[in-house]
Amino acid sequence: FMRIFEDEGTPVTDELLVNETVPGQQREPSITTDSTGGIVVSWSGHGSGDWNGVFARQFAPGGTPRSGEILVNQTGKGFSHWFFPQSNPIVVADDDGGFVVGWEGIGIGDFYGIFFRHFGADGSALIDTVQANESIRGLQGNTSVLATSDGYVVGWDGKGIGDSNGVFFREFGIAGNPLDRE
């Protein structure tokens, strides 16, 4: 659920149901606003296309849905389960009304890594899922994402190159191509 408030704390809406899939658990919400005042909510849990995936939904500034439930992750569908879910999503807005979602989970190339995907203002995917981490041994988590005018910066903690329990980041071009090493 979400509820919209004025700056001084006065409620603008009642509670609004964010997810369209009601059975199962939906958890770990992340919320951002875009350049138009629109709202994007991302969460993990049960939904259409993955019973333990990452999802997003767009809303107009007043809370009216602008999209349906969007499945963010492309991998893990059918393989995700309670022990190795797609989880801990974070959503950030870009400058063009779109959004980027980062998360940790199962993907091609890593059993438990850091991934992100960019969506346009209309909710369509602009790039396929990108794995941010290079080191695939151990766990990586606590994703952080920054959308810039020419790409993305993705951060996380865990096992990585040069440190078995460190904090890492990596820059990517707008097409999801890595610009440096972790």
Protein backbone atom coordinates (compact mmCIF):
# COMPACT_ATOMS: atom_id res chain seq x y z
CA PHE A 1 0.00 0.00 0.00
CA MET A 2 0.95 3.65 -0.27
CA ARG A 3 -0.58 6.89 0.86
CA ILE A 4 0.19 10.36 -0.45
CA PHE A 5 0.59 13.34 1.88
CA GLU A 6 1.02 17.10 1.44
CA ASP A 7 4.34 18.60 2.57
CA GLU A 8 2.85 19.57 5.94
CA GLY A 9 1.54 16.02 6.51
CA THR A 10 -2.10 16.34 5.45
CA PRO A 11 -3.29 13.16 3.68
CA VAL A 12 -4.11 13.61 -0.02
CA THR A 13 -5.31 10.03 -0.56
CA ASP A 14 -6.55 7.08 1.40
CA GLU A 15 -4.37 3.96 1.36
CA LEU A 16 -3.82 2.83 -2.23
CA LEU A 17 -3.09 -0.76 -3.22
CA VAL A 18 0.16 -0.73 -5.23
CA ASN A 19 0.46 -4.36 -6.34
CA GLU A 20 -2.09 -5.96 -8.64
CA THR A 21 -1.22 -9.52 -7.58
CA VAL A 22 -2.86 -10.10 -4.22
CA PRO A 23 -1.98 -13.74 -3.34
CA GLY A 24 1.42 -14.34 -1.74
CA GLN A 25 3.72 -11.84 -0.10
CA GLN A 26 4.73 -8.46 -1.43
CA ARG A 27 7.51 -6.77 0.58
CA GLU A 28 10.54 -4.45 0.58
CA PRO A 29 8.97 -1.41 -1.14
CA SER A 30 11.10 1.37 -2.60
CA ILE A 31 9.54 4.63 -3.82
CA THR A 32 10.75 7.52 -5.96
CA THR A 33 9.20 10.46 -7.78
CA ASP A 34 10.01 11.37 -11.36
CA SER A 35 10.56 14.78 -12.96
CA THR A 36 6.79 15.23 -13.50
CA GLY A 37 5.83 14.43 -9.90
CA GLY A 38 4.79 10.92 -10.86
CA ILE A 39 5.49 8.09 -8.44
CA VAL A 40 7.24 4.79 -9.08
CA VAL A 41 7.07 2.00 -6.52
CA SER A 42 9.21 -1.13 -6.69
CA TRP A 43 8.94 -4.20 -4.44
CA SER A 44 9.80 -7.87 -4.27
CA GLY A 45 7.49 -10.82 -3.85
CA HIS A 46 4.82 -12.81 -5.62
CA GLY A 47 3.51 -11.47 -8.90
CA SER A 48 2.60 -12.24 -12.47
CA GLY A 49 5.52 -13.97 -14.17
CA ASP A 50 7.62 -14.75 -11.08
CA TRP A 51 6.53 -15.98 -7.69
CA ASN A 52 9.49 -14.32 -5.97
CA GLY A 53 10.61 -11.52 -8.27
CA VAL A 54 11.06 -7.76 -8.43
CA PHE A 55 8.17 -5.63 -9.68
CA ALA A 56 7.42 -1.95 -10.31
CA ARG A 57 4.36 0.19 -10.95
CA GLN A 58 3.97 3.80 -12.03
CA PHE A 59 1.42 6.28 -10.66
CA ALA A 60 0.40 9.82 -11.58
CA PRO A 61 1.13 12.54 -8.97
CA GLY A 62 -2.34 12.09 -7.40
CA GLY A 63 -2.00 8.31 -7.12
CA THR A 64 -3.86 7.15 -10.24
CA PRO A 65 -2.06 4.13 -11.78
CA ARG A 66 -0.16 4.91 -15.01
CA SER A 67 0.94 1.31 -15.53
CA GLY A 68 0.12 -2.19 -14.52
CA GLU A 69 2.43 -4.35 -12.46
CA ILE A 70 5.79 -4.57 -14.31
CA LEU A 71 8.04 -7.61 -13.87
CA VAL A 72 11.54 -6.11 -13.58
CA ASN A 73 13.83 -9.17 -13.40
CA GLN A 74 14.31 -11.33 -16.48
CA THR A 75 16.15 -14.18 -14.76
CA GLY A 76 15.14 -16.36 -11.89
CA LYS A 77 11.61 -16.83 -13.16
CA GLY A 78 10.60 -20.31 -12.09
CA PHE A 79 13.91 -20.78 -10.25
CA SER A 80 13.49 -18.06 -7.64
CA HIS A 81 12.35 -19.41 -4.33
CA TRP A 82 12.39 -18.40 -0.68
CA PHE A 83 16.04 -19.34 -0.21
CA PHE A 84 17.33 -17.38 -3.21
CA PRO A 85 14.80 -14.69 -4.12
CA GLN A 86 15.12 -11.56 -6.20
CA SER A 87 15.06 -9.08 -3.33
CA ASN A 88 15.82 -5.70 -1.80
CA PRO A 89 14.92 -3.56 -4.81
CA ILE A 90 15.74 0.12 -4.99
CA VAL A 91 14.13 2.41 -7.55
CA VAL A 92 15.45 5.80 -8.71
CA ALA A 93 14.06 8.21 -11.30
CA ASP A 94 15.97 9.37 -14.34
CA ASP A 95 15.78 12.86 -15.88
CA ASP A 96 13.38 11.79 -18.64
CA GLY A 97 10.48 10.47 -16.55
CA GLY A 98 11.79 6.90 -16.58
CA PHE A 99 13.27 4.86 -13.76
CA VAL A 100 16.02 2.40 -12.88
CA VAL A 101 15.54 -0.54 -10.52
CA GLY A 102 18.47 -2.29 -8.84
CA TRP A 103 18.26 -5.48 -6.77
CA GLU A 104 20.12 -8.50 -5.50
CA GLY A 105 19.36 -12.05 -6.48
CA ILE A 106 19.86 -14.87 -8.94
CA GLY A 107 20.92 -14.08 -12.46
CA ILE A 108 22.81 -15.35 -15.45
CA GLY A 109 26.45 -15.26 -14.40
CA ASP A 110 25.95 -15.06 -10.64
CA PHE A 111 24.05 -17.11 -8.08
CA TYR A 112 23.52 -14.08 -5.81
CA GLY A 113 24.65 -10.84 -7.38
CA ILE A 114 23.67 -7.24 -8.08
CA PHE A 115 21.48 -6.43 -11.07
CA PHE A 116 19.72 -3.42 -12.56
CA ARG A 117 17.36 -2.52 -15.39
CA HIS A 118 16.26 0.81 -16.92
CA PHE A 119 12.68 1.60 -17.96
CA GLY A 120 11.29 4.51 -19.97
CA ALA A 121 8.57 6.95 -18.95
CA ASP A 122 6.00 4.66 -20.58
CA GLY A 123 7.14 1.68 -18.45
CA SER A 124 8.84 -0.17 -21.30
CA ALA A 125 12.27 -1.68 -20.71
CA LEU A 126 15.09 0.36 -22.29
CA ILE A 127 17.77 -2.26 -21.57
CA ASP A 128 17.88 -5.90 -20.58
CA THR A 129 18.92 -6.89 -17.05
CA VAL A 130 22.56 -5.98 -16.37
CA GLN A 131 24.78 -7.66 -13.78
CA ALA A 132 26.76 -4.98 -11.95
CA ASN A 133 29.24 -7.07 -9.96
CA GLU A 134 32.23 -8.80 -11.55
CA SER A 135 33.16 -10.96 -8.57
CA ILE A 136 30.81 -13.94 -8.40
CA ARG A 137 32.16 -15.68 -5.31
CA GLY A 138 30.28 -14.99 -2.10
CA LEU A 139 27.25 -12.80 -1.64
CA GLN A 140 26.67 -9.23 -2.73
CA GLY A 141 23.84 -7.10 -1.34
CA ASN A 142 22.52 -3.70 -0.25
CA THR A 143 22.21 -2.30 -3.75
CA SER A 144 22.36 1.44 -4.41
CA VAL A 145 21.69 3.03 -7.82
CA LEU A 146 22.19 6.50 -9.28
CA ALA A 147 20.82 7.40 -12.71
CA THR A 148 22.93 10.04 -14.49
CA SER A 149 22.35 11.82 -17.80
CA ASP A 150 24.70 9.42 -19.57
CA GLY A 151 24.40 6.20 -17.58
CA TYR A 152 24.28 4.66 -14.13
CA VAL A 153 26.38 4.20 -11.01
CA VAL A 154 25.61 1.04 -9.05
CA GLY A 155 26.96 0.35 -5.56
CA TRP A 156 26.79 -2.64 -3.21
CA ASP A 157 28.58 -4.44 -0.42
CA GLY A 158 29.91 -7.98 -0.07
CA LYS A 159 32.70 -10.04 -1.51
CA GLY A 160 34.49 -8.45 -4.41
CA ILE A 161 37.79 -7.87 -6.17
CA GLY A 162 40.45 -7.01 -3.57
CA ASP A 163 38.20 -7.24 -0.50
CA SER A 164 36.19 -10.14 0.90
CA ASN A 165 33.82 -7.83 2.79
CA GLY A 166 33.91 -4.42 1.15
CA VAL A 167 31.87 -1.71 -0.51
CA PHE A 168 32.03 -1.52 -4.30
CA PHE A 169 30.66 0.54 -7.16
CA ARG A 170 30.73 0.43 -10.91
CA GLU A 171 29.79 2.90 -13.65
CA PHE A 172 27.78 1.95 -16.73
CA GLY A 173 26.92 3.73 -19.97
CA ILE A 174 23.31 4.40 -20.94
CA ALA A 175 23.13 1.09 -22.83
CA GLY A 176 24.24 -0.82 -19.70
CA ASN A 177 27.82 -1.27 -20.89
CA PRO A 178 30.42 -1.21 -18.07
CA LEU A 179 32.72 1.82 -18.07
CA ASP A 180 35.07 0.52 -15.36
CA ARG A 181 35.83 -2.41 -13.08
CA GLU A 182 34.28 -2.99 -9.65
